[in-house]
Amino acid sequence: MTQLKGVCIGAGYFSQFHHNGWQRIPSIQIAALCDTDQDKAEAIAQKFNISKVYTDYEKMLDQEQPDFVDVITPPATHQEICQQAFDRGINVICQKPLAPTYQEAEALVRAAQQSGVRFMVHENFRFQPWHREIKKLLEQRVIGDHLHMLNLRCRMGDGWGEDAYLDRQPYFREMPKLFVYETGVHFIDVFRYLVGEIDSVYAQLKTLNPVIKGEDSALMVFQFANGSTGIADANRYNESNQPNPRYTFGEMLIEGNQGSIRLYADGKLTTQPLGKAEREHHYHHEDRGFAGDCCYTTQQHFVDCLLNDQPFETNGSDYLKTLRVQEAVYESAKRSVPVQT
C-alpha cells in the first residue's frame, strides 16, 4: 500500500476532528504538527500519538519534507502558509474560510495553480452522509427530472447570551462578517453540490445578539441555472429541539416534479412520491467525529484523489464559485436587491 506522509499546522478546537480522521486512513502517516502555542500542540500530539511537535511551520516543512500539509489555522494565515508549501512543492488541504477576502482567496488559488501542486479546500458539509445520499437520490430521479425547490432551515443555538461563543470559538465575537462567512458558506456549497450553479441571490442578514459584531442570522434565496429555487433560513441564535443541533445542522425539504425528499435533524431521510405516503429511506450514518463523520470522509476523498490522480470536488477553482455566491449574498444584503453571481 502506498503511504503518504502528512503534517498539520494548527492545534485549535477543530483540529481534533482532522486528526481523528487521519488516524483512520491506513495510507496516511501524520509525522508532525505545528502550532505557535507549544502547549496546545503537545496536547494534541499526545492525544493522537504524533511524535514530533514544532512551533515554526517552515522548519517543519523543511525537515519533514511531507507529501502534503493540512492547514487548520485562521483564514488570515492561509495565504502565507500555503505559499510556503507551494514553494516547496508540497500538496495542500486547507480549512475554510479560505481567506479574509475574495481577492485574497483568488490570489491563493492562482498561486496553487502556478505552483503545480495539488490543492483542496477542506469544505466538509457536502461530505456529510445525508448530503451524499440525497445526491444519489437526485441522480436516480427519485423525485423526478426537474427540481422545484430546496428549502433548508437551521437553528444552531450556540450564539445567544452574554457569553456567546466564548467556550469554543471566542474570536467569532469580533468578526465583522460571521454567519455567512463562517457557516452559511457551507450551505452555499451544499446547494451547488446538490442542485447546480447559482445564477442570483437575494439575502437579508441580521445581528440578533448585540454582544457580537457580525451577522448571526441569514435568509438567502437562490435562483439556480436549471430554474429551481433554493431557500436557506438559518441563525446561530435560536435553538433547535434536537439533542445535537450540530449533527445535520438543520432540516431540509427538496421538491421535484414527482415528489419530495426530506432530511430530518436526526439524519433520517424520507421520500414521498406524489400521491403516496412518505416513507423512510434507509442508509448508513452515525454520530461519529464531526457532523456524521464528514471530516474523515472529506480527508479520505483528498487521499483517494491524490493516490489516483483524480480531481478534487472542492479544488480551488471550483471553490471560488462558492465564494462568488458568498460575495453576492453580502452585496445583496447591503443593497437590498437580488445580485447576479
C-alpha atoms as a PDB file:
ATOM      1  CA  MET A   1       0.000   0.000   0.000  1.00  0.00           C
ATOM      2  CA  THR A   2       1.275   3.463  -0.894  1.00  0.00           C
ATOM      3  CA  GLN A   3       1.934   5.551   2.219  1.00  0.00           C
ATOM      4  CA  LEU A   4       1.569   9.330   2.228  1.00  0.00           C
ATOM      5  CA  LYS A   5       3.401  11.427   4.801  1.00  0.00           C
ATOM      6  CA  GLY A   6       1.478  14.386   6.117  1.00  0.00           C
ATOM      7  CA  VAL A   7       1.968  17.217   8.595  1.00  0.00           C
ATOM      8  CA  CYS A   8      -0.614  19.502  10.198  1.00  0.00           C
ATOM      9  CA  ILE A   9      -0.455  23.188  11.063  1.00  0.00           C
ATOM     10  CA  GLY A  10      -2.810  24.437  13.781  1.00  0.00           C
ATOM     11  CA  ALA A  11      -3.884  22.870  17.077  1.00  0.00           C
ATOM     12  CA  GLY A  12      -7.100  24.757  17.748  1.00  0.00           C
ATOM     13  CA  TYR A  13     -10.546  23.435  18.615  1.00  0.00           C
ATOM     14  CA  PHE A  14     -11.387  21.968  15.216  1.00  0.00           C
ATOM     15  CA  SER A  15      -8.044  20.213  14.660  1.00  0.00           C
ATOM     16  CA  GLN A  16      -9.199  17.259  16.772  1.00  0.00           C
ATOM     17  CA  PHE A  17     -11.674  16.261  14.064  1.00  0.00           C
ATOM     18  CA  HIS A  18      -8.958  16.350  11.400  1.00  0.00           C
ATOM     19  CA  HIS A  19      -6.618  14.173  13.459  1.00  0.00           C
ATOM     20  CA  ASN A  20      -9.381  11.712  14.247  1.00  0.00           C
ATOM     21  CA  GLY A  21      -9.933  11.315  10.505  1.00  0.00           C
ATOM     22  CA  TRP A  22      -6.256  10.981   9.578  1.00  0.00           C
ATOM     23  CA  GLN A  23      -5.743   8.273  12.194  1.00  0.00           C
ATOM     24  CA  ARG A  24      -8.336   6.080  10.496  1.00  0.00           C
ATOM     25  CA  ILE A  25      -6.903   6.266   6.953  1.00  0.00           C
ATOM     26  CA  PRO A  26      -4.392   3.398   6.591  1.00  0.00           C
ATOM     27  CA  SER A  27      -2.402   5.061   3.803  1.00  0.00           C
ATOM     28  CA  ILE A  28      -1.656   8.169   5.895  1.00  0.00           C
ATOM     29  CA  GLN A  29       1.063   8.860   8.442  1.00  0.00           C
ATOM     30  CA  ILE A  30       0.892  12.217  10.202  1.00  0.00           C
ATOM     31  CA  ALA A  31       4.558  12.713  11.057  1.00  0.00           C
ATOM     32  CA  ALA A  32       4.373  16.050  12.887  1.00  0.00           C
ATOM     33  CA  LEU A  33       2.209  19.007  13.815  1.00  0.00           C
ATOM     34  CA  CYS A  34       2.883  22.668  14.425  1.00  0.00           C
ATOM     35  CA  ASP A  35       1.309  25.451  16.447  1.00  0.00           C
ATOM     36  CA  THR A  36       2.738  28.696  17.789  1.00  0.00           C
ATOM     37  CA  ASP A  37       1.354  27.618  21.194  1.00  0.00           C
ATOM     38  CA  GLN A  38       3.603  24.690  22.112  1.00  0.00           C
ATOM     39  CA  ASP A  39       1.377  23.531  24.975  1.00  0.00           C
ATOM     40  CA  LYS A  40      -1.624  23.231  22.663  1.00  0.00           C
ATOM     41  CA  ALA A  41       0.459  21.427  20.065  1.00  0.00           C
ATOM     42  CA  GLU A  42       1.834  18.959  22.604  1.00  0.00           C
ATOM     43  CA  ALA A  43      -1.649  18.263  23.975  1.00  0.00           C
ATOM     44  CA  ILE A  44      -2.956  17.350  20.505  1.00  0.00           C
ATOM     45  CA  ALA A  45       0.210  15.356  19.738  1.00  0.00           C
ATOM     46  CA  GLN A  46      -0.185  13.328  22.903  1.00  0.00           C
ATOM     47  CA  LYS A  47      -3.884  12.699  22.306  1.00  0.00           C
ATOM     48  CA  PHE A  48      -3.289  11.440  18.763  1.00  0.00           C
ATOM     49  CA  ASN A  49       0.120   9.821  19.271  1.00  0.00           C
ATOM     50  CA  ILE A  50       2.062  12.175  16.977  1.00  0.00           C
ATOM     51  CA  SER A  51       5.787  12.003  17.685  1.00  0.00           C
ATOM     52  CA  LYS A  52       7.035  15.452  16.618  1.00  0.00           C
ATOM     53  CA  VAL A  53       5.900  18.947  17.567  1.00  0.00           C
ATOM     54  CA  TYR A  54       7.073  22.234  16.054  1.00  0.00           C
ATOM     55  CA  THR A  55       6.344  25.910  16.716  1.00  0.00           C
ATOM     56  CA  ASP A  56       7.910  27.010  13.390  1.00  0.00           C
ATOM     57  CA  TYR A  57       5.978  25.612  10.444  1.00  0.00           C
ATOM     58  CA  GLU A  58       8.628  26.490   7.858  1.00  0.00           C
ATOM     59  CA  LYS A  59      11.165  24.484   9.829  1.00  0.00           C
ATOM     60  CA  MET A  60       8.703  21.603   9.983  1.00  0.00           C
ATOM     61  CA  LEU A  61       8.126  21.666   6.228  1.00  0.00           C
ATOM     62  CA  ASP A  62      11.878  21.717   5.560  1.00  0.00           C
ATOM     63  CA  GLN A  63      12.776  18.959   7.993  1.00  0.00           C
ATOM     64  CA  GLU A  64       9.841  16.620   7.408  1.00  0.00           C
ATOM     65  CA  GLN A  65       9.512  17.068   3.624  1.00  0.00           C
ATOM     66  CA  PRO A  66       5.919  15.743   3.655  1.00  0.00           C
ATOM     67  CA  ASP A  67       3.740  14.710   0.740  1.00  0.00           C
ATOM     68  CA  PHE A  68       1.036  17.087   1.964  1.00  0.00           C
ATOM     69  CA  VAL A  69       0.207  19.618   4.649  1.00  0.00           C
ATOM     70  CA  ASP A  70      -3.154  20.048   6.368  1.00  0.00           C
ATOM     71  CA  VAL A  71      -3.686  23.748   7.155  1.00  0.00           C
ATOM     72  CA  ILE A  72      -6.031  24.126  10.163  1.00  0.00           C
ATOM     73  CA  THR A  73      -5.333  27.748  11.084  1.00  0.00           C
ATOM     74  CA  PRO A  74      -7.364  31.003  10.953  1.00  0.00           C
ATOM     75  CA  PRO A  75      -8.075  32.324   7.435  1.00  0.00           C
ATOM     76  CA  ALA A  76      -5.750  35.335   7.680  1.00  0.00           C
ATOM     77  CA  THR A  77      -2.778  32.930   7.857  1.00  0.00           C
ATOM     78  CA  HIS A  78      -3.724  30.715   4.909  1.00  0.00           C
ATOM     79  CA  GLN A  79      -2.162  32.635   2.039  1.00  0.00           C
ATOM     80  CA  GLU A  80       1.306  32.834   3.625  1.00  0.00           C
ATOM     81  CA  ILE A  81       1.318  29.234   4.894  1.00  0.00           C
ATOM     82  CA  CYS A  82       0.029  27.801   1.629  1.00  0.00           C
ATOM     83  CA  GLN A  83       2.566  29.801  -0.381  1.00  0.00           C
ATOM     84  CA  GLN A  84       5.383  28.309   1.689  1.00  0.00           C
ATOM     85  CA  ALA A  85       4.031  24.841   0.894  1.00  0.00           C
ATOM     86  CA  PHE A  86       3.599  25.695  -2.792  1.00  0.00           C
ATOM     87  CA  ASP A  87       7.204  26.951  -2.985  1.00  0.00           C
ATOM     88  CA  ARG A  88       8.375  23.586  -1.637  1.00  0.00           C
ATOM     89  CA  GLY A  89       6.179  21.523  -3.976  1.00  0.00           C
ATOM     90  CA  ILE A  90       4.001  20.232  -1.119  1.00  0.00           C
ATOM     91  CA  ASN A  91       0.338  19.369  -1.722  1.00  0.00           C
ATOM     92  CA  VAL A  92      -2.175  21.227   0.463  1.00  0.00           C
ATOM     93  CA  ILE A  93      -5.585  20.641   2.019  1.00  0.00           C
ATOM     94  CA  CYS A  94      -6.743  23.894   3.624  1.00  0.00           C
ATOM     95  CA  GLN A  95      -9.584  24.677   6.008  1.00  0.00           C
ATOM     96  CA  LYS A  96     -12.250  27.230   5.234  1.00  0.00           C
ATOM     97  CA  PRO A  97     -12.888  30.150   5.369  1.00  0.00           C
ATOM     98  CA  LEU A  98     -10.252  30.171   2.668  1.00  0.00           C
ATOM     99  CA  ALA A  99      -9.131  33.806   3.113  1.00  0.00           C
ATOM    100  CA  PRO A 100     -10.358  37.080   4.655  1.00  0.00           C
ATOM    101  CA  THR A 101     -11.484  38.425   1.253  1.00  0.00           C
ATOM    102  CA  TYR A 102     -12.462  37.031  -2.114  1.00  0.00           C
ATOM    103  CA  GLN A 103      -9.481  38.754  -3.734  1.00  0.00           C
ATOM    104  CA  GLU A 104      -7.084  37.016  -1.341  1.00  0.00           C
ATOM    105  CA  ALA A 105      -8.785  33.668  -1.942  1.00  0.00           C
ATOM    106  CA  GLU A 106      -8.448  34.195  -5.685  1.00  0.00           C
ATOM    107  CA  ALA A 107      -4.748  35.003  -5.296  1.00  0.00           C
ATOM    108  CA  LEU A 108      -4.241  31.868  -3.191  1.00  0.00           C
ATOM    109  CA  VAL A 109      -5.906  29.662  -5.800  1.00  0.00           C
ATOM    110  CA  ARG A 110      -3.899  31.285  -8.575  1.00  0.00           C
ATOM    111  CA  ALA A 111      -0.669  30.643  -6.652  1.00  0.00           C
ATOM    112  CA  ALA A 112      -1.616  26.989  -6.229  1.00  0.00           C
ATOM    113  CA  GLN A 113      -2.256  26.642  -9.949  1.00  0.00           C
ATOM    114  CA  GLN A 114       1.035  28.309 -10.829  1.00  0.00           C
ATOM    115  CA  SER A 115       2.968  26.041  -8.456  1.00  0.00           C
ATOM    116  CA  GLY A 116       1.582  22.845  -9.989  1.00  0.00           C
ATOM    117  CA  VAL A 117       0.857  21.214  -6.613  1.00  0.00           C
ATOM    118  CA  ARG A 118      -2.491  19.669  -5.669  1.00  0.00           C
ATOM    119  CA  PHE A 119      -4.759  21.961  -3.644  1.00  0.00           C
ATOM    120  CA  MET A 120      -8.103  21.193  -1.991  1.00  0.00           C
ATOM    121  CA  VAL A 121     -10.364  23.180   0.314  1.00  0.00           C
ATOM    122  CA  HIS A 122     -11.492  21.252   3.410  1.00  0.00           C
ATOM    123  CA  GLU A 123     -15.175  22.019   2.671  1.00  0.00           C
ATOM    124  CA  ASN A 124     -16.749  19.157   4.582  1.00  0.00           C
ATOM    125  CA  PHE A 125     -20.524  19.764   4.642  1.00  0.00           C
ATOM    126  CA  ARG A 126     -21.049  18.283   1.164  1.00  0.00           C
ATOM    127  CA  PHE A 127     -19.378  15.121   2.504  1.00  0.00           C
ATOM    128  CA  GLN A 128     -21.941  14.638   5.265  1.00  0.00           C
ATOM    129  CA  PRO A 129     -23.588  11.226   4.656  1.00  0.00           C
ATOM    130  CA  TRP A 130     -27.133  12.582   4.209  1.00  0.00           C
ATOM    131  CA  HIS A 131     -25.997  15.031   1.532  1.00  0.00           C
ATOM    132  CA  ARG A 132     -24.141  12.264  -0.323  1.00  0.00           C
ATOM    133  CA  GLU A 133     -27.273  10.105  -0.139  1.00  0.00           C
ATOM    134  CA  ILE A 134     -29.573  12.915  -1.280  1.00  0.00           C
ATOM    135  CA  LYS A 135     -27.269  13.448  -4.253  1.00  0.00           C
ATOM    136  CA  LYS A 136     -27.664   9.771  -5.196  1.00  0.00           C
ATOM    137  CA  LEU A 137     -31.452  10.012  -4.933  1.00  0.00           C
ATOM    138  CA  LEU A 138     -31.498  13.095  -7.130  1.00  0.00           C
ATOM    139  CA  GLU A 139     -29.278  11.420  -9.721  1.00  0.00           C
ATOM    140  CA  GLN A 140     -31.655   8.428  -9.690  1.00  0.00           C
ATOM    141  CA  ARG A 141     -34.518  10.901 -10.318  1.00  0.00           C
ATOM    142  CA  VAL A 142     -36.459   9.533  -7.371  1.00  0.00           C
ATOM    143  CA  ILE A 143     -38.465  12.783  -7.225  1.00  0.00           C
ATOM    144  CA  GLY A 144     -38.447  13.461 -10.965  1.00  0.00           C
ATOM    145  CA  ASP A 145     -36.290  15.123 -13.563  1.00  0.00           C
ATOM    146  CA  HIS A 146     -36.990  18.735 -12.599  1.00  0.00           C
ATOM    147  CA  LEU A 147     -36.382  20.270  -9.177  1.00  0.00           C
ATOM    148  CA  HIS A 148     -38.742  22.941  -7.906  1.00  0.00           C
ATOM    149  CA  MET A 149     -37.382  23.932  -4.513  1.00  0.00           C
ATOM    150  CA  LEU A 150     -34.641  23.211  -1.971  1.00  0.00           C
ATOM    151  CA  ASN A 151     -35.518  24.577   1.468  1.00  0.00           C
ATOM    152  CA  LEU A 152     -33.085  24.480   4.417  1.00  0.00           C
ATOM    153  CA  ARG A 153     -33.855  25.521   7.989  1.00  0.00           C
ATOM    154  CA  CYS A 154     -31.001  25.701  10.520  1.00  0.00           C
ATOM    155  CA  ARG A 155     -31.030  26.762  14.181  1.00  0.00           C
ATOM    156  CA  MET A 156     -27.678  26.220  15.915  1.00  0.00           C
ATOM    157  CA  GLY A 157     -28.444  27.813  19.288  1.00  0.00           C
ATOM    158  CA  ASP A 158     -24.808  28.441  20.247  1.00  0.00           C
ATOM    159  CA  GLY A 159     -24.864  32.211  19.819  1.00  0.00           C
ATOM    160  CA  TRP A 160     -27.287  33.649  22.374  1.00  0.00           C
ATOM    161  CA  GLY A 161     -26.430  35.313  25.701  1.00  0.00           C
ATOM    162  CA  GLU A 162     -23.603  37.459  27.014  1.00  0.00           C
ATOM    163  CA  ASP A 163     -21.090  34.592  26.815  1.00  0.00           C
ATOM    164  CA  ALA A 164     -21.882  33.554  23.224  1.00  0.00           C
ATOM    165  CA  TYR A 165     -19.048  31.570  21.549  1.00  0.00           C
ATOM    166  CA  LEU A 166     -16.625  32.037  24.479  1.00  0.00           C
ATOM    167  CA  ASP A 167     -16.457  28.331  25.304  1.00  0.00           C
ATOM    168  CA  ARG A 168     -15.370  27.149  21.848  1.00  0.00           C
ATOM    169  CA  GLN A 169     -14.507  29.868  19.299  1.00  0.00           C
ATOM    170  CA  PRO A 170     -14.354  33.262  21.074  1.00  0.00           C
ATOM    171  CA  TYR A 171     -12.896  35.038  18.029  1.00  0.00           C
ATOM    172  CA  PHE A 172     -16.358  34.727  16.442  1.00  0.00           C
ATOM    173  CA  ARG A 173     -17.483  37.638  18.609  1.00  0.00           C
ATOM    174  CA  GLU A 174     -15.162  40.116  16.876  1.00  0.00           C
ATOM    175  CA  MET A 175     -15.641  39.030  13.251  1.00  0.00           C
ATOM    176  CA  PRO A 176     -17.324  41.792  11.172  1.00  0.00           C
ATOM    177  CA  LYS A 177     -18.743  39.073   8.910  1.00  0.00           C
ATOM    178  CA  LEU A 178     -19.783  35.959  10.804  1.00  0.00           C
ATOM    179  CA  PHE A 179     -22.641  33.697   9.844  1.00  0.00           C
ATOM    180  CA  VAL A 180     -22.419  33.636   6.060  1.00  0.00           C
ATOM    181  CA  TYR A 181     -18.610  33.786   6.047  1.00  0.00           C
ATOM    182  CA  GLU A 182     -18.134  31.048   8.648  1.00  0.00           C
ATOM    183  CA  THR A 183     -21.224  28.807   8.375  1.00  0.00           C
ATOM    184  CA  GLY A 184     -23.509  29.906   5.550  1.00  0.00           C
ATOM    185  CA  VAL A 185     -20.753  29.243   3.016  1.00  0.00           C
ATOM    186  CA  HIS A 186     -21.178  25.540   3.842  1.00  0.00           C
ATOM    187  CA  PHE A 187     -24.828  25.710   2.818  1.00  0.00           C
ATOM    188  CA  ILE A 188     -23.987  27.570  -0.382  1.00  0.00           C
ATOM    189  CA  ASP A 189     -21.552  24.810  -1.302  1.00  0.00           C
ATOM    190  CA  VAL A 190     -24.077  22.083  -0.447  1.00  0.00           C
ATOM    191  CA  PHE A 191     -26.719  23.796  -2.584  1.00  0.00           C
ATOM    192  CA  ARG A 192     -24.286  23.924  -5.509  1.00  0.00           C
ATOM    193  CA  TYR A 193     -23.355  20.270  -4.959  1.00  0.00           C
ATOM    194  CA  LEU A 194     -26.966  19.096  -4.872  1.00  0.00           C
ATOM    195  CA  VAL A 195     -28.667  21.345  -7.425  1.00  0.00           C
ATOM    196  CA  GLY A 196     -26.034  23.015  -9.622  1.00  0.00           C
ATOM    197  CA  GLU A 197     -24.761  26.505 -10.292  1.00  0.00           C
ATOM    198  CA  ILE A 198     -26.433  29.555  -8.759  1.00  0.00           C
ATOM    199  CA  ASP A 199     -27.318  32.472 -11.040  1.00  0.00           C
ATOM    200  CA  SER A 200     -28.500  35.021  -8.481  1.00  0.00           C
ATOM    201  CA  VAL A 201     -29.215  35.531  -4.793  1.00  0.00           C
ATOM    202  CA  TYR A 202     -31.346  37.770  -2.630  1.00  0.00           C
ATOM    203  CA  ALA A 203     -30.352  37.971   1.049  1.00  0.00           C
ATOM    204  CA  GLN A 204     -31.373  39.568   4.324  1.00  0.00           C
ATOM    205  CA  LEU A 205     -28.804  39.449   7.144  1.00  0.00           C
ATOM    206  CA  LYS A 206     -29.309  40.390  10.802  1.00  0.00           C
ATOM    207  CA  THR A 207     -27.384  40.558  14.059  1.00  0.00           C
ATOM    208  CA  LEU A 208     -29.660  39.082  16.707  1.00  0.00           C
ATOM    209  CA  ASN A 209     -27.170  39.063  19.579  1.00  0.00           C
ATOM    210  CA  PRO A 210     -25.890  42.596  20.338  1.00  0.00           C
ATOM    211  CA  VAL A 211     -22.701  41.327  22.013  1.00  0.00           C
ATOM    212  CA  ILE A 212     -21.192  40.272  18.652  1.00  0.00           C
ATOM    213  CA  LYS A 213     -20.064  42.401  15.712  1.00  0.00           C
ATOM    214  CA  GLY A 214     -21.119  40.341  12.694  1.00  0.00           C
ATOM    215  CA  GLU A 215     -24.372  38.874  11.432  1.00  0.00           C
ATOM    216  CA  ASP A 216     -25.706  35.745  13.124  1.00  0.00           C
ATOM    217  CA  SER A 217     -28.858  35.302  11.012  1.00  0.00           C
ATOM    218  CA  ALA A 218     -29.368  34.894   7.281  1.00  0.00           C
ATOM    219  CA  LEU A 219     -32.284  34.450   4.908  1.00  0.00           C
ATOM    220  CA  MET A 220     -30.927  33.627   1.453  1.00  0.00           C
ATOM    221  CA  VAL A 221     -32.971  32.972  -1.692  1.00  0.00           C
ATOM    222  CA  PHE A 222     -31.066  31.404  -4.589  1.00  0.00           C
ATOM    223  CA  GLN A 223     -32.058  31.108  -8.232  1.00  0.00           C
ATOM    224  CA  PHE A 224     -30.326  28.187  -9.946  1.00  0.00           C
ATOM    225  CA  ALA A 225     -29.281  27.927 -13.573  1.00  0.00           C
ATOM    226  CA  ASN A 226     -31.650  24.962 -14.023  1.00  0.00           C
ATOM    227  CA  GLY A 227     -34.662  27.055 -12.999  1.00  0.00           C
ATOM    228  CA  SER A 228     -35.114  25.768  -9.452  1.00  0.00           C
ATOM    229  CA  THR A 229     -35.106  27.885  -6.290  1.00  0.00           C
ATOM    230  CA  GLY A 230     -33.272  27.452  -3.001  1.00  0.00           C
ATOM    231  CA  ILE A 231     -34.049  28.992   0.367  1.00  0.00           C
ATOM    232  CA  ALA A 232     -31.731  28.914   3.391  1.00  0.00           C
ATOM    233  CA  ASP A 233     -33.280  30.216   6.620  1.00  0.00           C
ATOM    234  CA  ALA A 234     -30.629  29.966   9.321  1.00  0.00           C
ATOM    235  CA  ASN A 235     -29.340  31.533  12.503  1.00  0.00           C
ATOM    236  CA  ARG A 236     -26.951  30.719  15.337  1.00  0.00           C
ATOM    237  CA  TYR A 237     -29.098  32.451  17.990  1.00  0.00           C
ATOM    238  CA  ASN A 238     -32.291  30.424  18.355  1.00  0.00           C
ATOM    239  CA  GLU A 239     -32.211  26.811  19.441  1.00  0.00           C
ATOM    240  CA  SER A 240     -33.040  23.506  17.796  1.00  0.00           C
ATOM    241  CA  ASN A 241     -35.231  20.985  19.596  1.00  0.00           C
ATOM    242  CA  GLN A 242     -32.667  18.252  18.872  1.00  0.00           C
ATOM    243  CA  PRO A 243     -30.138  16.941  21.409  1.00  0.00           C
ATOM    244  CA  ASN A 244     -27.318  17.594  18.903  1.00  0.00           C
ATOM    245  CA  PRO A 245     -28.138  20.522  16.598  1.00  0.00           C
ATOM    246  CA  ARG A 246     -24.648  20.224  15.082  1.00  0.00           C
ATOM    247  CA  TYR A 247     -25.309  16.730  13.710  1.00  0.00           C
ATOM    248  CA  THR A 248     -27.070  17.679  10.456  1.00  0.00           C
ATOM    249  CA  PHE A 249     -27.077  21.451  11.174  1.00  0.00           C
ATOM    250  CA  GLY A 250     -30.725  21.594  10.203  1.00  0.00           C
ATOM    251  CA  GLU A 251     -33.612  20.154   8.251  1.00  0.00           C
ATOM    252  CA  MET A 252     -34.144  20.147   4.500  1.00  0.00           C
ATOM    253  CA  LEU A 253     -37.051  19.726   2.084  1.00  0.00           C
ATOM    254  CA  ILE A 254     -36.352  19.111  -1.608  1.00  0.00           C
ATOM    255  CA  GLU A 255     -39.301  19.174  -4.003  1.00  0.00           C
ATOM    256  CA  GLY A 256     -39.391  17.958  -7.588  1.00  0.00           C
ATOM    257  CA  ASN A 257     -41.970  17.367 -10.281  1.00  0.00           C
ATOM    258  CA  GLN A 258     -42.624  13.830  -8.997  1.00  0.00           C
ATOM    259  CA  GLY A 259     -42.336  14.173  -5.224  1.00  0.00           C
ATOM    260  CA  SER A 260     -40.145  15.266  -2.342  1.00  0.00           C
ATOM    261  CA  ILE A 261     -37.186  14.285  -0.173  1.00  0.00           C
ATOM    262  CA  ARG A 262     -36.968  15.269   3.487  1.00  0.00           C
ATOM    263  CA  LEU A 263     -33.911  15.385   5.723  1.00  0.00           C
ATOM    264  CA  TYR A 264     -34.690  15.404   9.432  1.00  0.00           C
ATOM    265  CA  ALA A 265     -32.386  16.835  12.087  1.00  0.00           C
ATOM    266  CA  ASP A 266     -31.522  13.359  13.388  1.00  0.00           C
ATOM    267  CA  GLY A 267     -30.239  12.299   9.956  1.00  0.00           C
ATOM    268  CA  LYS A 268     -33.369  10.420   8.872  1.00  0.00           C
ATOM    269  CA  LEU A 269     -34.202  10.670   5.165  1.00  0.00           C
ATOM    270  CA  THR A 270     -37.626  10.110   3.648  1.00  0.00           C
ATOM    271  CA  THR A 271     -39.053  10.175   0.146  1.00  0.00           C
ATOM    272  CA  GLN A 272     -42.645  10.945  -0.801  1.00  0.00           C
ATOM    273  CA  PRO A 273     -43.745  10.357  -4.406  1.00  0.00           C
ATOM    274  CA  LEU A 274     -46.722  12.461  -5.469  1.00  0.00           C
ATOM    275  CA  GLY A 275     -49.980  10.822  -4.395  1.00  0.00           C
ATOM    276  CA  LYS A 276     -48.243   8.415  -1.996  1.00  0.00           C
ATOM    277  CA  ALA A 277     -47.307   8.315   1.667  1.00  0.00           C
ATOM    278  CA  GLU A 278     -43.952   9.435   2.996  1.00  0.00           C
ATOM    279  CA  ARG A 279     -41.573   6.521   3.581  1.00  0.00           C
ATOM    280  CA  GLU A 280     -38.171   6.295   5.213  1.00  0.00           C
ATOM    281  CA  HIS A 281     -35.123   5.822   3.019  1.00  0.00           C
ATOM    282  CA  HIS A 282     -32.611   3.720   4.941  1.00  0.00           C
ATOM    283  CA  TYR A 283     -28.882   4.412   4.587  1.00  0.00           C
ATOM    284  CA  HIS A 284     -25.833   4.377   6.848  1.00  0.00           C
ATOM    285  CA  HIS A 285     -24.976   7.358   9.042  1.00  0.00           C
ATOM    286  CA  GLU A 286     -23.588   7.602  12.551  1.00  0.00           C
ATOM    287  CA  ASP A 287     -22.833  10.265  15.148  1.00  0.00           C
ATOM    288  CA  ARG A 288     -19.071   9.937  14.990  1.00  0.00           C
ATOM    289  CA  GLY A 289     -16.421  12.614  14.712  1.00  0.00           C
ATOM    290  CA  PHE A 290     -17.936  15.814  13.354  1.00  0.00           C
ATOM    291  CA  ALA A 291     -21.387  16.020  11.718  1.00  0.00           C
ATOM    292  CA  GLY A 292     -21.790  12.447  10.535  1.00  0.00           C
ATOM    293  CA  ASP A 293     -18.018  11.879  10.281  1.00  0.00           C
ATOM    294  CA  CYS A 294     -17.692  14.296   7.376  1.00  0.00           C
ATOM    295  CA  CYS A 295     -14.120  15.342   8.196  1.00  0.00           C
ATOM    296  CA  TYR A 296     -12.962  11.747   7.800  1.00  0.00           C
ATOM    297  CA  THR A 297     -14.913  11.404   4.535  1.00  0.00           C
ATOM    298  CA  THR A 298     -13.516  14.708   3.221  1.00  0.00           C
ATOM    299  CA  GLN A 299      -9.963  13.653   4.010  1.00  0.00           C
ATOM    300  CA  GLN A 300     -10.471  10.197   2.517  1.00  0.00           C
ATOM    301  CA  HIS A 301     -11.584  11.926  -0.686  1.00  0.00           C
ATOM    302  CA  PHE A 302      -8.398  14.035  -0.616  1.00  0.00           C
ATOM    303  CA  VAL A 303      -6.233  10.935  -0.208  1.00  0.00           C
ATOM    304  CA  ASP A 304      -8.066   8.897  -2.853  1.00  0.00           C
ATOM    305  CA  CYS A 305      -7.722  11.715  -5.380  1.00  0.00           C
ATOM    306  CA  LEU A 306      -4.034  12.186  -4.593  1.00  0.00           C
ATOM    307  CA  LEU A 307      -3.280   8.485  -4.990  1.00  0.00           C
ATOM    308  CA  ASN A 308      -5.382   8.080  -8.138  1.00  0.00           C
ATOM    309  CA  ASP A 309      -4.559  11.439  -9.745  1.00  0.00           C
ATOM    310  CA  GLN A 310      -8.225  12.456  -9.797  1.00  0.00           C
ATOM    311  CA  PRO A 311      -9.653  15.984  -9.432  1.00  0.00           C
ATOM    312  CA  PHE A 312     -10.833  17.108  -6.008  1.00  0.00           C
ATOM    313  CA  GLU A 313     -14.518  18.043  -5.765  1.00  0.00           C
ATOM    314  CA  THR A 314     -13.563  21.164  -3.824  1.00  0.00           C
ATOM    315  CA  ASN A 315     -10.470  22.174  -5.754  1.00  0.00           C
ATOM    316  CA  GLY A 316      -9.507  25.818  -5.700  1.00  0.00           C
ATOM    317  CA  SER A 317     -11.131  26.933  -8.947  1.00  0.00           C
ATOM    318  CA  ASP A 318     -14.419  25.204  -8.117  1.00  0.00           C
ATOM    319  CA  TYR A 319     -14.493  26.626  -4.612  1.00  0.00           C
ATOM    320  CA  LEU A 320     -14.147  30.153  -5.954  1.00  0.00           C
ATOM    321  CA  LYS A 321     -17.624  29.640  -7.467  1.00  0.00           C
ATOM    322  CA  THR A 322     -18.966  29.091  -3.943  1.00  0.00           C
ATOM    323  CA  LEU A 323     -17.129  32.184  -2.718  1.00  0.00           C
ATOM    324  CA  ARG A 324     -18.540  34.307  -5.551  1.00  0.00           C
ATOM    325  CA  VAL A 325     -22.025  33.386  -4.340  1.00  0.00           C
ATOM    326  CA  GLN A 326     -20.982  34.287  -0.801  1.00  0.00           C
ATOM    327  CA  GLU A 327     -19.849  37.697  -2.052  1.00  0.00           C
ATOM    328  CA  ALA A 328     -23.193  38.150  -3.804  1.00  0.00           C
ATOM    329  CA  VAL A 329     -25.014  37.361  -0.544  1.00  0.00           C
ATOM    330  CA  TYR A 330     -23.264  40.197   1.269  1.00  0.00           C
ATOM    331  CA  GLU A 331     -23.759  42.556  -1.659  1.00  0.00           C
ATOM    332  CA  SER A 332     -27.460  41.730  -1.844  1.00  0.00           C
ATOM    333  CA  ALA A 333     -27.930  42.310   1.876  1.00  0.00           C
ATOM    334  CA  LYS A 334     -26.128  45.641   1.598  1.00  0.00           C
ATOM    335  CA  ARG A 335     -28.183  46.866  -1.363  1.00  0.00           C
ATOM    336  CA  SER A 336     -31.490  45.062  -0.596  1.00  0.00           C
ATOM    337  CA  VAL A 337     -31.749  43.789  -4.173  1.00  0.00           C
ATOM    338  CA  PRO A 338     -31.087  40.463  -5.954  1.00  0.00           C
ATOM    339  CA  VAL A 339     -27.483  40.162  -7.159  1.00  0.00           C
ATOM    340  CA  GLN A 340     -26.165  38.132 -10.058  1.00  0.00           C
ATOM    341  CA  THR A 341     -23.317  35.772  -9.274  1.00  0.00           C
END
